[in-house]
Amino acid sequence: MDLKELQKFADQELHTHLSDLRKKVREFRFSIANSQLKNVRMMRQSKKEIAQVLTELNKRRISKSSVEDVKIEESKKEE
């Protein structure tokens, strides 16, 4: 999945996608341990996608907190 596609998702969708990816990685880990998985790159790609989702969630969290900080500063100036 591309970063631009992740940016279009809502927060709840990102959290759902993140949990699905974590389940997928866990299943890959068991498959690798049992020598059932041939393509190990799939696990690497899933981990990369997890990092992208977490980055997007953190970016949104930081932007929300910075907007709230600006509102607090503006209210202090008005007083």
N, C-alpha and C. Protein backbone atom coordinates (compact mmCIF):
# COMPACT_ATOMS: atom_id res chain seq x y z
N MET A 1 0.85 -1.17 0.00
CA MET A 1 0.00 0.00 0.00
C MET A 1 0.90 1.24 0.00
N ASP A 2 0.47 2.24 -0.72
CA ASP A 2 1.25 3.45 -0.89
C ASP A 2 0.95 4.44 0.25
N LEU A 3 1.90 5.33 0.51
CA LEU A 3 1.71 6.33 1.56
C LEU A 3 0.51 7.24 1.28
N LYS A 4 0.31 7.56 0.01
CA LYS A 4 -0.81 8.43 -0.34
C LYS A 4 -2.14 7.74 -0.04
N GLU A 5 -2.19 6.44 -0.22
CA GLU A 5 -3.41 5.70 0.11
C GLU A 5 -3.64 5.69 1.62
N LEU A 6 -2.57 5.57 2.39
CA LEU A 6 -2.69 5.57 3.84
C LEU A 6 -3.18 6.91 4.35
N GLN A 7 -2.78 7.99 3.70
CA GLN A 7 -3.21 9.32 4.13
C GLN A 7 -4.70 9.54 3.94
N LYS A 8 -5.30 8.79 3.03
CA LYS A 8 -6.73 8.93 2.77
C LYS A 8 -7.58 8.20 3.80
N PHE A 9 -6.97 7.25 4.52
CA PHE A 9 -7.71 6.47 5.51
C PHE A 9 -8.05 7.32 6.73
N ALA A 10 -9.15 6.99 7.37
CA ALA A 10 -9.50 7.61 8.65
C ALA A 10 -8.68 6.94 9.75
N ASP A 11 -8.63 7.56 10.90
CA ASP A 11 -7.83 7.02 12.01
C ASP A 11 -8.26 5.62 12.39
N GLN A 12 -9.55 5.39 12.48
CA GLN A 12 -10.06 4.08 12.86
C GLN A 12 -9.69 3.02 11.82
N GLU A 13 -9.74 3.39 10.55
CA GLU A 13 -9.35 2.45 9.49
C GLU A 13 -7.87 2.12 9.58
N LEU A 14 -7.05 3.11 9.92
CA LEU A 14 -5.62 2.87 10.08
C LEU A 14 -5.34 1.92 11.24
N HIS A 15 -6.05 2.09 12.33
CA HIS A 15 -5.87 1.19 13.48
C HIS A 15 -6.30 -0.23 13.13
N THR A 16 -7.38 -0.36 12.38
CA THR A 16 -7.84 -1.68 11.95
C THR A 16 -6.83 -2.33 11.01
N HIS A 17 -6.32 -1.54 10.08
CA HIS A 17 -5.32 -2.04 9.14
C HIS A 17 -4.05 -2.45 9.87
N LEU A 18 -3.68 -1.68 10.87
CA LEU A 18 -2.49 -1.99 11.67
C LEU A 18 -2.64 -3.31 12.41
N SER A 19 -3.80 -3.54 13.00
CA SER A 19 -4.01 -4.80 13.71
C SER A 19 -4.01 -5.98 12.74
N ASP A 20 -4.57 -5.79 11.54
CA ASP A 20 -4.55 -6.85 10.53
C ASP A 20 -3.12 -7.18 10.11
N LEU A 21 -2.32 -6.14 9.92
CA LEU A 21 -0.93 -6.36 9.53
C LEU A 21 -0.13 -7.07 10.62
N ARG A 22 -0.39 -6.72 11.86
CA ARG A 22 0.32 -7.38 12.96
C ARG A 22 -0.06 -8.86 13.05
N LYS A 23 -1.33 -9.17 12.80
CA LYS A 23 -1.76 -10.58 12.78
C LYS A 23 -1.06 -11.32 11.65
N LYS A 24 -0.95 -10.65 10.51
CA LYS A 24 -0.30 -11.23 9.34
C LYS A 24 1.17 -11.55 9.62
N VAL A 25 1.87 -10.62 10.26
CA VAL A 25 3.27 -10.84 10.60
C VAL A 25 3.41 -11.99 11.59
N ARG A 26 2.51 -12.07 12.53
CA ARG A 26 2.55 -13.17 13.50
C ARG A 26 2.37 -14.52 12.79
N GLU A 27 1.43 -14.56 11.83
CA GLU A 27 1.22 -15.78 11.07
C GLU A 27 2.45 -16.13 10.22
N PHE A 28 3.08 -15.10 9.64
CA PHE A 28 4.31 -15.32 8.87
C PHE A 28 5.40 -15.91 9.74
N ARG A 29 5.50 -15.40 10.96
CA ARG A 29 6.53 -15.88 11.88
C ARG A 29 6.35 -17.37 12.17
N PHE A 30 5.11 -17.78 12.39
CA PHE A 30 4.84 -19.20 12.63
C PHE A 30 5.10 -20.03 11.37
N SER A 31 4.73 -19.49 10.23
CA SER A 31 4.96 -20.21 8.98
C SER A 31 6.44 -20.40 8.69
N ILE A 32 7.23 -19.38 8.98
CA ILE A 32 8.67 -19.48 8.78
C ILE A 32 9.26 -20.50 9.75
N ALA A 33 8.79 -20.51 10.96
CA ALA A 33 9.31 -21.45 11.96
C ALA A 33 9.00 -22.89 11.56
N ASN A 34 7.87 -23.10 10.91
CA ASN A 34 7.48 -24.45 10.49
C ASN A 34 7.95 -24.77 9.07
N SER A 35 8.75 -23.87 8.49
CA SER A 35 9.27 -24.02 7.12
C SER A 35 8.16 -24.17 6.09
N GLN A 36 7.06 -23.48 6.29
CA GLN A 36 5.94 -23.53 5.35
C GLN A 36 5.97 -22.37 4.37
N LEU A 37 6.59 -21.27 4.80
CA LEU A 37 6.58 -20.06 3.97
C LEU A 37 7.82 -20.05 3.08
N LYS A 38 7.60 -19.91 1.79
CA LYS A 38 8.71 -19.89 0.83
C LYS A 38 9.21 -18.46 0.60
N ASN A 39 8.27 -17.52 0.53
CA ASN A 39 8.62 -16.13 0.22
C ASN A 39 8.72 -15.32 1.51
N VAL A 40 9.94 -15.17 2.02
CA VAL A 40 10.16 -14.48 3.28
C VAL A 40 10.03 -12.97 3.10
N ARG A 41 10.12 -12.50 1.86
CA ARG A 41 10.00 -11.06 1.60
C ARG A 41 8.63 -10.51 1.97
N MET A 42 7.62 -11.36 1.98
CA MET A 42 6.27 -10.92 2.33
C MET A 42 6.25 -10.39 3.76
N MET A 43 7.01 -11.01 4.65
CA MET A 43 7.08 -10.55 6.03
C MET A 43 7.76 -9.19 6.10
N ARG A 44 8.83 -9.04 5.34
CA ARG A 44 9.55 -7.76 5.32
C ARG A 44 8.64 -6.64 4.82
N GLN A 45 7.88 -6.91 3.78
CA GLN A 45 6.95 -5.92 3.23
C GLN A 45 5.86 -5.56 4.24
N SER A 46 5.38 -6.55 4.96
CA SER A 46 4.34 -6.29 5.97
C SER A 46 4.90 -5.43 7.11
N LYS A 47 6.12 -5.71 7.52
CA LYS A 47 6.74 -4.90 8.58
C LYS A 47 6.95 -3.46 8.12
N LYS A 48 7.32 -3.31 6.87
CA LYS A 48 7.50 -1.96 6.31
C LYS A 48 6.17 -1.21 6.30
N GLU A 49 5.11 -1.91 5.94
CA GLU A 49 3.79 -1.28 5.91
C GLU A 49 3.32 -0.91 7.32
N ILE A 50 3.65 -1.74 8.31
CA ILE A 50 3.33 -1.42 9.70
C ILE A 50 4.02 -0.12 10.11
N ALA A 51 5.28 0.01 9.73
CA ALA A 51 6.02 1.24 10.05
C ALA A 51 5.39 2.46 9.38
N GLN A 52 4.93 2.30 8.15
CA GLN A 52 4.29 3.41 7.45
C GLN A 52 2.98 3.82 8.12
N VAL A 53 2.21 2.84 8.56
CA VAL A 53 0.94 3.14 9.24
C VAL A 53 1.21 3.85 10.56
N LEU A 54 2.19 3.35 11.31
CA LEU A 54 2.53 3.98 12.59
C LEU A 54 3.04 5.40 12.39
N THR A 55 3.81 5.62 11.34
CA THR A 55 4.31 6.96 11.03
C THR A 55 3.17 7.90 10.72
N GLU A 56 2.22 7.45 9.94
CA GLU A 56 1.06 8.28 9.61
C GLU A 56 0.22 8.60 10.85
N LEU A 57 0.02 7.61 11.72
CA LEU A 57 -0.74 7.84 12.95
C LEU A 57 -0.03 8.85 13.85
N ASN A 58 1.29 8.71 13.97
CA ASN A 58 2.05 9.64 14.80
C ASN A 58 2.05 11.05 14.21
N LYS A 59 2.11 11.13 12.89
CA LYS A 59 2.07 12.44 12.23
C LYS A 59 0.75 13.14 12.53
N ARG A 60 -0.34 12.37 12.48
CA ARG A 60 -1.66 12.95 12.77
C ARG A 60 -1.78 13.35 14.23
N ARG A 61 -1.23 12.53 15.13
CA ARG A 61 -1.30 12.83 16.55
C ARG A 61 -0.52 14.12 16.86
N ILE A 62 0.63 14.27 16.26
CA ILE A 62 1.45 15.47 16.49
C ILE A 62 0.76 16.71 15.93
N SER A 63 0.16 16.58 14.75
CA SER A 63 -0.49 17.75 14.16
C SER A 63 -1.71 18.17 14.98
N LYS A 64 -2.44 17.19 15.53
CA LYS A 64 -3.59 17.52 16.39
C LYS A 64 -3.13 18.23 17.66
N SER A 65 -2.05 17.75 18.25
CA SER A 65 -1.58 18.36 19.49
C SER A 65 -1.03 19.76 19.24
N SER A 66 -0.40 19.98 18.08
CA SER A 66 0.12 21.31 17.79
C SER A 66 -1.02 22.30 17.54
N VAL A 67 -2.11 21.85 16.95
CA VAL A 67 -3.28 22.71 16.74
C VAL A 67 -3.89 23.08 18.08
N GLU A 68 -3.96 22.12 19.00
CA GLU A 68 -4.50 22.40 20.33
C GLU A 68 -3.60 23.37 21.09
N ASP A 69 -2.29 23.25 20.92
CA ASP A 69 -1.36 24.16 21.58
C ASP A 69 -1.55 25.59 21.08
N VAL A 70 -1.78 25.74 19.78
CA VAL A 70 -2.01 27.07 19.21
C VAL A 70 -3.29 27.67 19.77
N LYS A 71 -4.33 26.85 19.90
CA LYS A 71 -5.61 27.35 20.45
C LYS A 71 -5.44 27.80 21.89
N ILE A 72 -4.66 27.06 22.66
CA ILE A 72 -4.42 27.42 24.06
C ILE A 72 -3.66 28.73 24.14
N GLU A 73 -2.65 28.90 23.29
CA GLU A 73 -1.88 30.14 23.29
C GLU A 73 -2.73 31.33 22.88
N GLU A 74 -3.64 31.14 21.93
CA GLU A 74 -4.51 32.21 21.50
C GLU A 74 -5.48 32.61 22.60
N SER A 75 -5.97 31.64 23.35
CA SER A 75 -6.90 31.94 24.44
C SER A 75 -6.17 32.68 25.56
N LYS A 76 -4.92 32.37 25.79
CA LYS A 76 -4.13 33.08 26.80
C LYS A 76 -3.89 34.52 26.39
N LYS A 77 -3.68 34.76 25.11
CA LYS A 77 -3.44 36.11 24.62
C LYS A 77 -4.68 36.98 24.75
N GLU A 78 -5.85 36.37 24.58
CA GLU A 78 -7.11 37.11 24.68
C GLU A 78 -7.38 37.57 26.10
N GLU A 79 -6.89 36.83 27.07
CA GLU A 79 -7.15 37.16 28.47
C GLU A 79 -6.26 38.25 28.87
